[in-house]
């Protein structure tokens, strides 16, 4: 992110978190294939992605395909992605829809120290041999790396009375 892209009230770190030492040893297990190639056209969230009605897929690398066994039972999955084209040094942000700036940890913005994306998506089809998961929709750019795939359990993952208050 450049200084000219900053909105009033936003704060950048004076360093890039990507340059800090890490011990995570994380690997990418595949890539998202989506119709979105530019940030400007990419839906801002899953609700907007579903409204557009454009399917997407995940291509799981051959090494990890055995891990898909049994996933066909799931109607929805939690997909964790690495939002590799997002800035990592914006610690306070001013969303277009908000009246006041907010800290990155109070937002779902892709701009964050560790740009991990969380997407609850409907699994339309699964070809475990080819490593292809067909999704109803997705809100990330084509080629976004995938960190992990987990079945979504409405019985334990959904919290119907959860709220985020509006100031």
Protein backbone atom coordinates (compact mmCIF):
# COMPACT_ATOMS: atom_id res chain seq x y z
CA UNK A 1 0.00 0.00 0.00
CA UNK A 2 1.32 3.42 -0.85
CA UNK A 3 0.82 6.54 1.20
CA UNK A 4 -1.40 8.00 -1.53
CA UNK A 5 -3.80 5.02 -1.11
CA UNK A 6 -4.31 5.73 2.59
CA UNK A 7 -7.63 7.10 3.79
CA UNK A 8 -7.93 9.73 6.54
CA UNK A 9 -7.35 8.16 9.93
CA UNK A 10 -5.42 5.13 8.66
CA UNK A 11 -2.09 4.15 10.20
CA UNK A 12 0.70 2.16 8.59
CA UNK A 13 3.38 0.25 10.45
CA UNK A 14 6.90 1.52 9.86
CA UNK A 15 7.98 -1.97 8.77
CA UNK A 16 6.69 -4.80 6.60
CA UNK A 17 5.59 -7.83 8.67
CA UNK A 18 6.60 -10.06 5.76
CA UNK A 19 10.23 -9.23 6.56
CA UNK A 20 10.03 -10.47 10.15
CA UNK A 21 11.53 -13.84 11.08
CA UNK A 22 9.01 -16.67 11.29
CA UNK A 23 8.98 -20.21 12.57
CA UNK A 24 5.61 -21.21 11.16
CA UNK A 25 6.90 -23.50 8.42
CA UNK A 26 3.60 -23.13 6.58
CA UNK A 27 3.06 -24.76 3.18
CA UNK A 28 0.43 -24.06 0.55
CA UNK A 29 -1.66 -27.07 -0.41
CA UNK A 30 -3.17 -25.67 -3.61
CA UNK A 31 -4.62 -22.64 -5.35
CA UNK A 32 -8.02 -21.06 -5.79
CA UNK A 33 -9.27 -20.71 -9.37
CA UNK A 34 -11.75 -17.85 -9.51
CA UNK A 35 -13.14 -15.51 -12.16
CA UNK A 36 -11.57 -12.55 -10.35
CA UNK A 37 -8.21 -11.34 -11.69
CA UNK A 38 -8.21 -7.74 -10.41
CA UNK A 39 -8.91 -6.42 -6.90
CA UNK A 40 -11.36 -3.87 -8.28
CA UNK A 41 -13.69 -6.59 -9.63
CA UNK A 42 -13.36 -9.08 -6.75
CA UNK A 43 -16.35 -9.27 -4.39
CA UNK A 44 -15.65 -7.79 -0.95
CA UNK A 45 -17.18 -10.72 0.95
CA UNK A 46 -18.84 -14.11 0.49
CA UNK A 47 -22.38 -12.68 0.44
CA UNK A 48 -21.43 -10.47 -2.52
CA UNK A 49 -19.65 -13.38 -4.22
CA UNK A 50 -22.73 -15.61 -3.92
CA UNK A 51 -24.93 -12.82 -5.33
CA UNK A 52 -22.78 -12.67 -8.48
CA UNK A 53 -23.41 -16.37 -9.12
CA UNK A 54 -19.98 -17.16 -10.56
CA UNK A 55 -18.55 -20.55 -9.51
CA UNK A 56 -14.93 -21.11 -8.56
CA UNK A 57 -12.72 -24.04 -7.67
CA UNK A 58 -9.77 -25.12 -5.60
CA UNK A 59 -6.95 -27.14 -7.15
CA UNK A 60 -5.27 -29.25 -4.45
CA UNK A 61 -1.69 -30.26 -5.22
CA UNK A 62 -1.08 -33.99 -5.78
CA UNK A 63 0.84 -34.41 -2.50
CA UNK A 64 -2.23 -33.46 -0.45
CA UNK A 65 -5.06 -35.13 -2.41
CA UNK A 66 -5.30 -38.18 -0.13
CA UNK A 67 -6.38 -35.72 2.56
CA UNK A 68 -9.63 -35.11 0.64
CA UNK A 69 -10.96 -38.60 1.50
CA UNK A 70 -14.32 -38.26 3.22
CA UNK A 71 -14.76 -34.58 2.40
CA UNK A 72 -17.54 -35.46 -0.07
CA UNK A 73 -19.84 -35.78 2.98
CA UNK A 74 -19.61 -32.02 3.59
CA UNK A 75 -22.02 -29.57 1.99
CA UNK A 76 -19.87 -26.62 3.11
CA UNK A 77 -16.21 -26.17 3.94
CA UNK A 78 -14.06 -23.65 5.74
CA UNK A 79 -11.34 -22.62 3.33
CA UNK A 80 -8.25 -20.89 4.70
CA UNK A 81 -6.28 -18.89 2.16
CA UNK A 82 -3.16 -16.74 2.10
CA UNK A 83 -4.19 -13.38 0.65
CA UNK A 84 -0.83 -12.94 -1.03
CA UNK A 85 -1.58 -9.65 -2.79
CA UNK A 86 -2.87 -7.81 0.29
CA UNK A 87 -0.75 -5.18 2.07
CA UNK A 88 0.53 -6.32 5.46
CA UNK A 89 1.53 -3.02 7.07
CA UNK A 90 -1.84 -1.27 7.58
CA UNK A 91 -2.65 -1.55 11.31
CA UNK A 92 -5.53 0.98 11.49
CA UNK A 93 -7.94 1.17 8.57
CA UNK A 94 -10.82 3.37 7.49
CA UNK A 95 -13.31 1.19 5.59
CA UNK A 96 -15.41 3.01 3.00
CA UNK A 97 -18.61 2.08 4.85
CA UNK A 98 -17.39 3.12 8.33
CA UNK A 99 -17.54 6.55 9.92
CA UNK A 100 -14.41 6.01 12.02
CA UNK A 101 -11.09 4.19 11.56
CA UNK A 102 -10.76 0.76 13.20
CA UNK A 103 -7.92 -1.50 14.20
CA UNK A 104 -7.15 -4.34 11.79
CA UNK A 105 -8.26 -6.94 14.32
CA UNK A 106 -11.74 -5.38 14.44
CA UNK A 107 -12.13 -5.82 10.65
CA UNK A 108 -12.38 -8.62 8.08
CA UNK A 109 -10.17 -6.69 5.66
CA UNK A 110 -7.52 -8.66 3.73
CA UNK A 111 -4.93 -6.03 4.72
CA UNK A 112 -3.43 -7.42 7.94
CA UNK A 113 -0.07 -8.56 9.39
CA UNK A 114 -0.78 -12.18 8.42
CA UNK A 115 -3.25 -12.06 5.52
CA UNK A 116 -5.16 -15.26 6.26
CA UNK A 117 -8.55 -15.46 4.57
CA UNK A 118 -11.45 -17.40 6.07
CA UNK A 119 -14.19 -18.43 3.64
CA UNK A 120 -17.22 -20.56 4.41
CA UNK A 121 -18.15 -21.92 0.99
CA UNK A 122 -20.64 -24.39 -0.44
CA UNK A 123 -18.94 -27.44 -1.91
CA UNK A 124 -20.73 -28.17 -5.20
CA UNK A 125 -18.57 -31.06 -6.38
CA UNK A 126 -15.42 -32.91 -5.42
CA UNK A 127 -13.03 -34.86 -7.64
CA UNK A 128 -10.47 -36.20 -5.15
CA UNK A 129 -8.34 -37.91 -7.79
CA UNK A 130 -7.90 -34.69 -9.76
CA UNK A 131 -7.80 -32.63 -6.56
CA UNK A 132 -10.60 -30.32 -7.74
CA UNK A 133 -13.16 -28.84 -5.37
CA UNK A 134 -15.92 -26.98 -7.20
CA UNK A 135 -17.32 -24.12 -5.16
CA UNK A 136 -20.54 -22.14 -5.44
CA UNK A 137 -18.57 -18.88 -5.21
CA UNK A 138 -15.48 -17.31 -3.66
CA UNK A 139 -14.32 -13.81 -2.75
CA UNK A 140 -10.60 -14.04 -3.62
CA UNK A 141 -8.44 -13.46 -6.65
CA UNK A 142 -7.52 -16.22 -9.07
CA UNK A 143 -4.35 -18.02 -7.98
CA UNK A 144 -4.73 -17.27 -4.26
CA UNK A 145 -2.80 -19.90 -2.27
CA UNK A 146 -4.76 -22.31 -0.08
CA UNK A 147 -3.50 -23.00 3.46
CA UNK A 148 -6.09 -25.50 4.67
CA UNK A 149 -9.53 -27.03 4.08
CA UNK A 150 -11.85 -28.08 6.91
CA UNK A 151 -15.42 -29.36 6.93
CA UNK A 152 -17.90 -26.80 8.22
CA UNK A 153 -20.07 -28.10 11.06
CA UNK A 154 -23.16 -25.95 11.52
CA UNK A 155 -23.81 -27.72 14.83
CA UNK A 156 -20.57 -26.46 16.37
CA UNK A 157 -19.27 -23.67 14.10
CA UNK A 158 -22.42 -21.52 13.85
CA UNK A 159 -23.17 -19.09 16.66
CA UNK A 160 -26.67 -17.75 15.90
CA UNK A 161 -26.66 -15.07 18.60
CA UNK A 162 -23.17 -13.68 17.85
CA UNK A 163 -23.06 -9.94 17.12
CA UNK A 164 -20.63 -7.19 16.24
CA UNK A 165 -22.14 -3.96 17.51
CA UNK A 166 -22.31 -0.94 15.24
CA UNK A 167 -20.90 2.26 16.84
